[in-house]
Amino acid sequence: MKDMLTNNKGLTLVELLGVIVILGIISAIAIPSISNIVVNTRIKSEKNNAVLLINAADLYFIEHFEPNGYINSVGIPTLIKDGYLEDESLVNDTFWIALPQIHPGSAVKQS
């Protein structure tokens, strides 16, 4: 009996197949979870970029307020040129942010 235990030098085929099945099950569970994490991270990143762009445009509209209301939109290149954004890699330069229009008779006043 003692000689049989000391001569056992490898894994049997059943043990090896068991390990492969367990690894397959773990990877079948883990891969979709990891891909969902990556997708959710990209979505959150784009949402944060949108908030950043809106905040930069708000600052631009506050500092460039025209009483006659001629400034109604601003583009990414203008925000970068005037120093409100540092990097154009957020979105392409065809993205524009429009100033919300205040309609006559509304409760909000422009100061």
C-alpha atoms as a PDB file:
ATOM      1  CA  MET A   1       0.000   0.000   0.000  1.00  0.00           C
ATOM      2  CA  LYS A   2       2.830   2.361   0.877  1.00  0.00           C
ATOM      3  CA  ASP A   3       4.585   1.676  -2.439  1.00  0.00           C
ATOM      4  CA  MET A   4       1.407   2.491  -4.378  1.00  0.00           C
ATOM      5  CA  LEU A   5       1.105   5.961  -2.824  1.00  0.00           C
ATOM      6  CA  THR A   6       4.711   6.896  -3.484  1.00  0.00           C
ATOM      7  CA  ASN A   7       4.609   5.828  -7.146  1.00  0.00           C
ATOM      8  CA  ASN A   8       1.617   8.077  -7.938  1.00  0.00           C
ATOM      9  CA  LYS A   9       3.346  10.852  -9.951  1.00  0.00           C
ATOM     10  CA  GLY A  10       0.621  12.457 -12.069  1.00  0.00           C
ATOM     11  CA  LEU A  11      -3.008  13.318 -12.490  1.00  0.00           C
ATOM     12  CA  THR A  12      -5.522  10.886 -13.842  1.00  0.00           C
ATOM     13  CA  LEU A  13      -7.568  11.759 -16.884  1.00  0.00           C
ATOM     14  CA  VAL A  14     -10.696  12.155 -14.750  1.00  0.00           C
ATOM     15  CA  GLU A  15      -8.968  14.650 -12.447  1.00  0.00           C
ATOM     16  CA  LEU A  16      -7.684  16.629 -15.420  1.00  0.00           C
ATOM     17  CA  LEU A  17     -11.141  16.713 -17.027  1.00  0.00           C
ATOM     18  CA  GLY A  18     -12.623  17.847 -13.709  1.00  0.00           C
ATOM     19  CA  VAL A  19     -10.222  20.776 -13.541  1.00  0.00           C
ATOM     20  CA  ILE A  20     -10.972  21.746 -17.162  1.00  0.00           C
ATOM     21  CA  VAL A  21     -14.749  21.625 -16.534  1.00  0.00           C
ATOM     22  CA  ILE A  22     -14.411  23.791 -13.417  1.00  0.00           C
ATOM     23  CA  LEU A  23     -12.284  26.353 -15.289  1.00  0.00           C
ATOM     24  CA  GLY A  24     -14.824  26.379 -18.125  1.00  0.00           C
ATOM     25  CA  ILE A  25     -17.678  27.071 -15.729  1.00  0.00           C
ATOM     26  CA  ILE A  26     -15.752  29.876 -14.034  1.00  0.00           C
ATOM     27  CA  SER A  27     -14.860  31.490 -17.365  1.00  0.00           C
ATOM     28  CA  ALA A  28     -18.461  31.176 -18.609  1.00  0.00           C
ATOM     29  CA  ILE A  29     -19.575  33.168 -15.597  1.00  0.00           C
ATOM     30  CA  ALA A  30     -16.706  35.670 -15.483  1.00  0.00           C
ATOM     31  CA  ILE A  31     -16.397  36.747 -19.142  1.00  0.00           C
ATOM     32  CA  PRO A  32     -19.942  38.191 -19.525  1.00  0.00           C
ATOM     33  CA  SER A  33     -19.610  39.942 -16.163  1.00  0.00           C
ATOM     34  CA  ILE A  34     -16.325  41.547 -17.164  1.00  0.00           C
ATOM     35  CA  SER A  35     -17.720  42.698 -20.519  1.00  0.00           C
ATOM     36  CA  ASN A  36     -20.711  44.267 -18.737  1.00  0.00           C
ATOM     37  CA  ILE A  37     -18.335  46.129 -16.442  1.00  0.00           C
ATOM     38  CA  VAL A  38     -16.416  47.486 -19.451  1.00  0.00           C
ATOM     39  CA  VAL A  39     -19.616  48.622 -21.212  1.00  0.00           C
ATOM     40  CA  ASN A  40     -20.978  50.277 -18.067  1.00  0.00           C
ATOM     41  CA  THR A  41     -17.672  52.067 -17.530  1.00  0.00           C
ATOM     42  CA  ARG A  42     -17.759  53.471 -21.066  1.00  0.00           C
ATOM     43  CA  ILE A  43     -21.339  54.669 -20.602  1.00  0.00           C
ATOM     44  CA  LYS A  44     -20.459  56.385 -17.317  1.00  0.00           C
ATOM     45  CA  SER A  45     -17.441  57.994 -18.970  1.00  0.00           C
ATOM     46  CA  GLU A  46     -19.587  59.443 -21.764  1.00  0.00           C
ATOM     47  CA  LYS A  47     -22.122  60.736 -19.239  1.00  0.00           C
ATOM     48  CA  ASN A  48     -19.322  62.443 -17.301  1.00  0.00           C
ATOM     49  CA  ASN A  49     -18.001  63.973 -20.526  1.00  0.00           C
ATOM     50  CA  ALA A  50     -21.469  65.315 -21.325  1.00  0.00           C
ATOM     51  CA  VAL A  51     -21.741  66.896 -17.870  1.00  0.00           C
ATOM     52  CA  LEU A  52     -18.291  68.418 -18.314  1.00  0.00           C
ATOM     53  CA  LEU A  53     -19.273  69.889 -21.668  1.00  0.00           C
ATOM     54  CA  ILE A  54     -22.521  71.308 -20.307  1.00  0.00           C
ATOM     55  CA  ASN A  55     -20.708  72.899 -17.364  1.00  0.00           C
ATOM     56  CA  ALA A  56     -18.082  74.421 -19.664  1.00  0.00           C
ATOM     57  CA  ALA A  57     -20.806  75.784 -21.942  1.00  0.00           C
ATOM     58  CA  ASP A  58     -22.685  77.210 -18.940  1.00  0.00           C
ATOM     59  CA  LEU A  59     -19.547  79.075 -17.875  1.00  0.00           C
ATOM     60  CA  TYR A  60     -19.089  80.331 -21.424  1.00  0.00           C
ATOM     61  CA  PHE A  61     -22.676  81.593 -21.606  1.00  0.00           C
ATOM     62  CA  ILE A  62     -22.382  83.283 -18.204  1.00  0.00           C
ATOM     63  CA  GLU A  63     -19.170  85.088 -19.116  1.00  0.00           C
ATOM     64  CA  HIS A  64     -20.289  85.963 -22.665  1.00  0.00           C
ATOM     65  CA  PHE A  65     -23.826  87.057 -21.915  1.00  0.00           C
ATOM     66  CA  GLU A  66     -25.265  89.395 -24.509  1.00  0.00           C
ATOM     67  CA  PRO A  67     -28.316  91.423 -23.492  1.00  0.00           C
ATOM     68  CA  ASN A  68     -29.678  91.230 -27.023  1.00  0.00           C
ATOM     69  CA  GLY A  69     -29.342  87.433 -26.973  1.00  0.00           C
ATOM     70  CA  TYR A  70     -27.124  86.792 -30.007  1.00  0.00           C
ATOM     71  CA  ILE A  71     -25.035  84.033 -28.411  1.00  0.00           C
ATOM     72  CA  ASN A  72     -27.298  80.976 -28.550  1.00  0.00           C
ATOM     73  CA  SER A  73     -24.853  78.130 -29.059  1.00  0.00           C
ATOM     74  CA  VAL A  74     -21.199  77.275 -28.690  1.00  0.00           C
ATOM     75  CA  GLY A  75     -19.013  74.594 -30.238  1.00  0.00           C
ATOM     76  CA  ILE A  76     -16.226  72.512 -28.816  1.00  0.00           C
ATOM     77  CA  PRO A  77     -13.489  74.381 -30.753  1.00  0.00           C
ATOM     78  CA  THR A  78     -14.667  77.680 -29.236  1.00  0.00           C
ATOM     79  CA  LEU A  79     -14.656  76.224 -25.720  1.00  0.00           C
ATOM     80  CA  ILE A  80     -11.115  74.937 -26.241  1.00  0.00           C
ATOM     81  CA  LYS A  81      -9.872  78.167 -27.821  1.00  0.00           C
ATOM     82  CA  ASP A  82     -11.265  80.273 -24.957  1.00  0.00           C
ATOM     83  CA  GLY A  83      -9.850  77.938 -22.291  1.00  0.00           C
ATOM     84  CA  TYR A  84     -13.043  76.322 -21.010  1.00  0.00           C
ATOM     85  CA  LEU A  85     -11.894  72.852 -22.142  1.00  0.00           C
ATOM     86  CA  GLU A  86      -8.396  71.435 -22.409  1.00  0.00           C
ATOM     87  CA  ASP A  87      -8.869  68.449 -24.685  1.00  0.00           C
ATOM     88  CA  GLU A  88     -10.814  67.934 -27.889  1.00  0.00           C
ATOM     89  CA  SER A  89     -10.802  64.157 -27.491  1.00  0.00           C
ATOM     90  CA  LEU A  90     -14.048  64.333 -25.489  1.00  0.00           C
ATOM     91  CA  VAL A  91     -16.225  64.475 -28.586  1.00  0.00           C
ATOM     92  CA  ASN A  92     -15.914  65.413 -32.222  1.00  0.00           C
ATOM     93  CA  ASP A  93     -15.987  69.095 -33.134  1.00  0.00           C
ATOM     94  CA  THR A  94     -19.418  68.933 -34.733  1.00  0.00           C
ATOM     95  CA  PHE A  95     -20.989  68.746 -31.261  1.00  0.00           C
ATOM     96  CA  TRP A  96     -22.719  71.986 -30.308  1.00  0.00           C
ATOM     97  CA  ILE A  97     -24.311  73.053 -27.044  1.00  0.00           C
ATOM     98  CA  ALA A  98     -27.313  75.326 -27.304  1.00  0.00           C
ATOM     99  CA  LEU A  99     -28.278  77.909 -24.750  1.00  0.00           C
ATOM    100  CA  PRO A 100     -31.762  77.212 -23.398  1.00  0.00           C
ATOM    101  CA  GLN A 101     -34.120  79.792 -24.811  1.00  0.00           C
ATOM    102  CA  ILE A 102     -36.152  81.847 -22.346  1.00  0.00           C
ATOM    103  CA  HIS A 103     -39.576  82.377 -23.797  1.00  0.00           C
ATOM    104  CA  PRO A 104     -41.524  85.575 -23.138  1.00  0.00           C
ATOM    105  CA  GLY A 105     -43.913  85.126 -20.254  1.00  0.00           C
ATOM    106  CA  SER A 106     -41.882  82.431 -18.521  1.00  0.00           C
ATOM    107  CA  ALA A 107     -41.078  82.694 -14.830  1.00  0.00           C
ATOM    108  CA  VAL A 108     -37.283  82.641 -15.371  1.00  0.00           C
ATOM    109  CA  LYS A 109     -35.590  86.005 -15.846  1.00  0.00           C
ATOM    110  CA  GLN A 110     -32.208  86.595 -17.423  1.00  0.00           C
ATOM    111  CA  SER A 111     -30.026  88.926 -15.395  1.00  0.00           C
END
